[in-house]
C-alpha atoms as a PDB file:
ATOM      1  CA  UNK A   1      12.567  25.584  11.725  1.00  0.00           C
ATOM      2  CA  UNK A   2       9.597  24.054  13.753  1.00  0.00           C
ATOM      3  CA  UNK A   3       9.943  21.232  16.882  1.00  0.00           C
ATOM      4  CA  UNK A   4       7.151  19.211  14.108  1.00  0.00           C
ATOM      5  CA  UNK A   5       9.710  19.614  11.052  1.00  0.00           C
ATOM      6  CA  UNK A   6      13.429  18.679  13.789  1.00  0.00           C
ATOM      7  CA  UNK A   7      11.001  16.052  14.653  1.00  0.00           C
ATOM      8  CA  UNK A   8      10.545  14.967  11.208  1.00  0.00           C
ATOM      9  CA  UNK A   9      13.968  15.553   9.601  1.00  0.00           C
ATOM     10  CA  UNK A  10      15.939  13.848  13.016  1.00  0.00           C
ATOM     11  CA  UNK A  11      14.017  10.879  12.703  1.00  0.00           C
ATOM     12  CA  UNK A  12      14.505  10.316   8.523  1.00  0.00           C
ATOM     13  CA  UNK A  13      18.370  10.878   8.116  1.00  0.00           C
ATOM     14  CA  UNK A  14      20.206   7.913   9.265  1.00  0.00           C
ATOM     15  CA  UNK A  15      23.115   8.366  11.961  1.00  0.00           C
ATOM     16  CA  UNK A  16      25.270   5.616   9.744  1.00  0.00           C
ATOM     17  CA  UNK A  17      24.586   6.748   6.643  1.00  0.00           C
ATOM     18  CA  UNK A  18      25.788   3.940   3.069  1.00  0.00           C
ATOM     19  CA  UNK A  19      24.831   1.051   1.551  1.00  0.00           C
ATOM     20  CA  UNK A  20      23.004  -1.255   3.546  1.00  0.00           C
ATOM     21  CA  UNK A  21      25.474  -4.839   3.571  1.00  0.00           C
ATOM     22  CA  UNK A  22      23.761  -7.436   0.818  1.00  0.00           C
ATOM     23  CA  UNK A  23      23.777 -10.222   4.097  1.00  0.00           C
ATOM     24  CA  UNK A  24      21.235  -8.692   6.247  1.00  0.00           C
ATOM     25  CA  UNK A  25      18.571  -9.236   3.585  1.00  0.00           C
ATOM     26  CA  UNK A  26      19.404 -12.213   1.338  1.00  0.00           C
ATOM     27  CA  UNK A  27      17.056 -13.089  -1.415  1.00  0.00           C
ATOM     28  CA  UNK A  28      15.348 -15.920  -0.490  1.00  0.00           C
ATOM     29  CA  UNK A  29      16.332 -18.741  -3.006  1.00  0.00           C
ATOM     30  CA  UNK A  30      13.595 -21.457  -2.653  1.00  0.00           C
ATOM     31  CA  UNK A  31      16.296 -23.716  -4.246  1.00  0.00           C
ATOM     32  CA  UNK A  32      17.605 -23.925  -0.829  1.00  0.00           C
ATOM     33  CA  UNK A  33      15.055 -24.843   1.308  1.00  0.00           C
ATOM     34  CA  UNK A  34      12.628 -27.917   1.653  1.00  0.00           C
ATOM     35  CA  UNK A  35      10.500 -29.090   1.605  1.00  0.00           C
ATOM     36  CA  UNK A  36       8.922 -26.786  -1.323  1.00  0.00           C
ATOM     37  CA  UNK A  37       6.953 -25.876  -3.864  1.00  0.00           C
ATOM     38  CA  UNK A  38       5.692 -28.398  -6.214  1.00  0.00           C
ATOM     39  CA  UNK A  39       3.841 -27.792  -9.538  1.00  0.00           C
ATOM     40  CA  UNK A  40       0.999 -30.091  -9.901  1.00  0.00           C
ATOM     41  CA  UNK A  41       0.475 -32.088 -13.368  1.00  0.00           C
ATOM     42  CA  UNK A  42      -2.085 -34.657 -13.093  1.00  0.00           C
ATOM     43  CA  UNK A  43      -4.577 -35.601  -9.388  1.00  0.00           C
ATOM     44  CA  UNK A  44      -5.962 -38.601  -8.828  1.00  0.00           C
ATOM     45  CA  UNK A  45      -9.872 -38.518  -6.448  1.00  0.00           C
ATOM     46  CA  UNK A  46     -10.837 -41.323  -4.178  1.00  0.00           C
ATOM     47  CA  UNK A  47     -11.317 -41.723  -0.702  1.00  0.00           C
ATOM     48  CA  UNK A  48      -7.487 -39.840   0.199  1.00  0.00           C
ATOM     49  CA  UNK A  49      -5.924 -38.056  -3.116  1.00  0.00           C
ATOM     50  CA  UNK A  50      -2.772 -38.882  -5.090  1.00  0.00           C
ATOM     51  CA  UNK A  51      -1.085 -35.290  -6.862  1.00  0.00           C
ATOM     52  CA  UNK A  52       1.826 -36.084  -9.006  1.00  0.00           C
ATOM     53  CA  UNK A  53       4.395 -33.295  -8.483  1.00  0.00           C
ATOM     54  CA  UNK A  54       7.381 -31.593 -11.268  1.00  0.00           C
ATOM     55  CA  UNK A  55      10.413 -31.922  -9.838  1.00  0.00           C
ATOM     56  CA  UNK A  56      11.217 -27.920  -8.438  1.00  0.00           C
ATOM     57  CA  UNK A  57      14.813 -26.586  -9.343  1.00  0.00           C
ATOM     58  CA  UNK A  58      15.752 -30.362 -10.177  1.00  0.00           C
ATOM     59  CA  UNK A  59      14.514 -31.509  -7.388  1.00  0.00           C
ATOM     60  CA  UNK A  60      11.587 -34.475  -7.030  1.00  0.00           C
ATOM     61  CA  UNK A  61       9.563 -34.257  -3.832  1.00  0.00           C
ATOM     62  CA  UNK A  62      11.132 -33.782  -0.881  1.00  0.00           C
ATOM     63  CA  UNK A  63       7.574 -33.859   0.929  1.00  0.00           C
ATOM     64  CA  UNK A  64       7.724 -36.405   4.153  1.00  0.00           C
ATOM     65  CA  UNK A  65       4.698 -38.329   5.656  1.00  0.00           C
ATOM     66  CA  UNK A  66       3.179 -36.405   8.250  1.00  0.00           C
ATOM     67  CA  UNK A  67       3.873 -32.940   6.878  1.00  0.00           C
ATOM     68  CA  UNK A  68       0.776 -30.784   6.644  1.00  0.00           C
ATOM     69  CA  UNK A  69      -0.114 -28.675   2.430  1.00  0.00           C
ATOM     70  CA  UNK A  70      -2.131 -26.692   0.482  1.00  0.00           C
ATOM     71  CA  UNK A  71      -3.403 -26.193  -2.530  1.00  0.00           C
ATOM     72  CA  UNK A  72      -3.222 -23.628  -4.791  1.00  0.00           C
ATOM     73  CA  UNK A  73      -5.036 -24.318  -7.996  1.00  0.00           C
ATOM     74  CA  UNK A  74      -5.986 -21.864 -10.840  1.00  0.00           C
ATOM     75  CA  UNK A  75      -9.219 -21.200 -12.282  1.00  0.00           C
ATOM     76  CA  UNK A  76      -8.245 -22.572 -15.574  1.00  0.00           C
ATOM     77  CA  UNK A  77      -7.132 -25.652 -13.816  1.00  0.00           C
ATOM     78  CA  UNK A  78     -10.073 -26.944 -12.554  1.00  0.00           C
ATOM     79  CA  UNK A  79     -10.481 -28.456  -9.072  1.00  0.00           C
ATOM     80  CA  UNK A  80     -12.041 -25.262  -7.705  1.00  0.00           C
ATOM     81  CA  UNK A  81     -13.110 -27.570  -5.176  1.00  0.00           C
ATOM     82  CA  UNK A  82     -10.046 -28.438  -4.442  1.00  0.00           C
ATOM     83  CA  UNK A  83      -8.211 -24.765  -3.880  1.00  0.00           C
ATOM     84  CA  UNK A  84      -6.551 -23.452  -0.324  1.00  0.00           C
ATOM     85  CA  UNK A  85      -7.841 -26.916   0.978  1.00  0.00           C
ATOM     86  CA  UNK A  86      -5.124 -28.506   3.083  1.00  0.00           C
ATOM     87  CA  UNK A  87      -3.966 -31.601   3.884  1.00  0.00           C
ATOM     88  CA  UNK A  88      -2.015 -33.984   5.845  1.00  0.00           C
ATOM     89  CA  UNK A  89       0.730 -35.971   3.602  1.00  0.00           C
ATOM     90  CA  UNK A  90      -0.128 -39.800   4.590  1.00  0.00           C
ATOM     91  CA  UNK A  91       1.600 -41.570   1.705  1.00  0.00           C
ATOM     92  CA  UNK A  92       4.220 -41.605  -0.601  1.00  0.00           C
ATOM     93  CA  UNK A  93       4.462 -44.216  -3.352  1.00  0.00           C
ATOM     94  CA  UNK A  94       6.507 -42.125  -5.549  1.00  0.00           C
ATOM     95  CA  UNK A  95       9.645 -39.615  -6.554  1.00  0.00           C
ATOM     96  CA  UNK A  96       7.117 -37.592  -7.639  1.00  0.00           C
ATOM     97  CA  UNK A  97       4.108 -38.444  -6.123  1.00  0.00           C
ATOM     98  CA  UNK A  98       2.327 -37.788  -2.462  1.00  0.00           C
ATOM     99  CA  UNK A  99      -1.362 -39.379  -0.669  1.00  0.00           C
ATOM    100  CA  UNK A 100      -3.266 -36.171   1.117  1.00  0.00           C
ATOM    101  CA  UNK A 101      -5.969 -37.913   3.822  1.00  0.00           C
ATOM    102  CA  UNK A 102      -8.905 -35.376   1.430  1.00  0.00           C
ATOM    103  CA  UNK A 103     -11.523 -37.531  -0.046  1.00  0.00           C
ATOM    104  CA  UNK A 104     -12.245 -36.091  -3.229  1.00  0.00           C
ATOM    105  CA  UNK A 105     -13.985 -38.991  -4.786  1.00  0.00           C
ATOM    106  CA  UNK A 106     -18.107 -36.852  -4.376  1.00  0.00           C
ATOM    107  CA  UNK A 107     -18.347 -33.666  -5.809  1.00  0.00           C
ATOM    108  CA  UNK A 108     -15.066 -33.044  -7.197  1.00  0.00           C
ATOM    109  CA  UNK A 109     -14.655 -30.899 -10.779  1.00  0.00           C
ATOM    110  CA  UNK A 110     -11.493 -32.321 -13.083  1.00  0.00           C
ATOM    111  CA  UNK A 111      -8.343 -30.731 -12.582  1.00  0.00           C
ATOM    112  CA  UNK A 112      -7.203 -29.779 -15.622  1.00  0.00           C
ATOM    113  CA  UNK A 113      -3.212 -30.439 -16.180  1.00  0.00           C
ATOM    114  CA  UNK A 114      -2.655 -28.228 -19.131  1.00  0.00           C
ATOM    115  CA  UNK A 115      -5.345 -24.615 -19.210  1.00  0.00           C
ATOM    116  CA  UNK A 116      -6.091 -23.433 -22.680  1.00  0.00           C
ATOM    117  CA  UNK A 117      -5.329 -20.241 -20.909  1.00  0.00           C
ATOM    118  CA  UNK A 118      -3.477 -18.850 -17.443  1.00  0.00           C
ATOM    119  CA  UNK A 119       0.075 -18.652 -16.596  1.00  0.00           C
ATOM    120  CA  UNK A 120       0.191 -19.511 -12.924  1.00  0.00           C
ATOM    121  CA  UNK A 121       1.048 -23.055 -12.200  1.00  0.00           C
ATOM    122  CA  UNK A 122      -1.246 -25.234  -9.905  1.00  0.00           C
ATOM    123  CA  UNK A 123       0.749 -25.448  -6.964  1.00  0.00           C
ATOM    124  CA  UNK A 124       0.816 -27.610  -3.775  1.00  0.00           C
ATOM    125  CA  UNK A 125       2.674 -26.348  -0.777  1.00  0.00           C
ATOM    126  CA  UNK A 126       4.189 -27.349   2.161  1.00  0.00           C
ATOM    127  CA  UNK A 127       3.443 -25.121   4.951  1.00  0.00           C
ATOM    128  CA  UNK A 128       4.028 -27.279   8.228  1.00  0.00           C
ATOM    129  CA  UNK A 129       3.479 -30.492   9.877  1.00  0.00           C
ATOM    130  CA  UNK A 130       1.721 -32.954  12.065  1.00  0.00           C
ATOM    131  CA  UNK A 131       4.065 -31.541  14.889  1.00  0.00           C
ATOM    132  CA  UNK A 132       5.179 -34.925  16.302  1.00  0.00           C
ATOM    133  CA  UNK A 133       8.781 -34.495  17.641  1.00  0.00           C
ATOM    134  CA  UNK A 134       9.612 -33.425  20.916  1.00  0.00           C
ATOM    135  CA  UNK A 135      10.105 -29.848  22.077  1.00  0.00           C
ATOM    136  CA  UNK A 136      11.464 -29.568  25.367  1.00  0.00           C
ATOM    137  CA  UNK A 137       9.163 -31.882  27.167  1.00  0.00           C
ATOM    138  CA  UNK A 138      10.790 -32.490  29.756  1.00  0.00           C
ATOM    139  CA  UNK A 139      10.933 -29.074  30.946  1.00  0.00           C
ATOM    140  CA  UNK A 140      14.038 -27.081  32.163  1.00  0.00           C
ATOM    141  CA  UNK A 141      15.787 -29.909  29.914  1.00  0.00           C
ATOM    142  CA  UNK A 142      16.620 -28.739  26.327  1.00  0.00           C
ATOM    143  CA  UNK A 143      16.596 -30.912  23.680  1.00  0.00           C
ATOM    144  CA  UNK A 144      16.431 -30.473  20.330  1.00  0.00           C
ATOM    145  CA  UNK A 145      13.855 -29.692  17.838  1.00  0.00           C
ATOM    146  CA  UNK A 146      13.258 -32.460  15.960  1.00  0.00           C
ATOM    147  CA  UNK A 147       9.528 -31.281  14.575  1.00  0.00           C
ATOM    148  CA  UNK A 148       9.297 -34.270  10.948  1.00  0.00           C
ATOM    149  CA  UNK A 149       8.871 -32.487   7.935  1.00  0.00           C
ATOM    150  CA  UNK A 150      10.544 -29.228   9.588  1.00  0.00           C
ATOM    151  CA  UNK A 151      11.343 -26.935   6.892  1.00  0.00           C
ATOM    152  CA  UNK A 152      15.590 -26.955   6.297  1.00  0.00           C
ATOM    153  CA  UNK A 153      17.578 -24.253   5.223  1.00  0.00           C
ATOM    154  CA  UNK A 154      20.129 -26.856   2.854  1.00  0.00           C
ATOM    155  CA  UNK A 155      21.824 -23.226   0.935  1.00  0.00           C
ATOM    156  CA  UNK A 156      25.453 -24.408  -0.669  1.00  0.00           C
ATOM    157  CA  UNK A 157      28.206 -22.903   1.798  1.00  0.00           C
ATOM    158  CA  UNK A 158      30.084 -20.566  -0.379  1.00  0.00           C
ATOM    159  CA  UNK A 159      33.288 -21.178  -1.152  1.00  0.00           C
ATOM    160  CA  UNK A 160      36.630 -19.544   1.116  1.00  0.00           C
END
């Protein structure tokens, strides 16, 4: 055999053949993390933007003030000027509403909650926060990371 073929054979064959345990690559279950993605059902324009959401997997809006969010609005839903924009949650008036610091008072197309076509729903997604928590600010002292709005794994425990 040629040297190149032998090298390829040894690099492509596994030393430990067999199945890969499922816990090595568990599927991501979005309902087990908060903050979550939420479908947008209404948007109220103004100097700040109020977004009404639908529950996701039975969970109402779980954003916090200071949460950074991004809008994903398909063309069929209008409001394309808001699509892809990022903002900070500045208020939570209800369990299914957030107020974002984006000025939509001028030049925004109307939002269409139930379009005539299109399968992808409009969404608001958590993408971070304003990093307001202490993260080892005291040098060598190791304090816990307490960023408000960080993603938390809230998976149920396996019964044993």
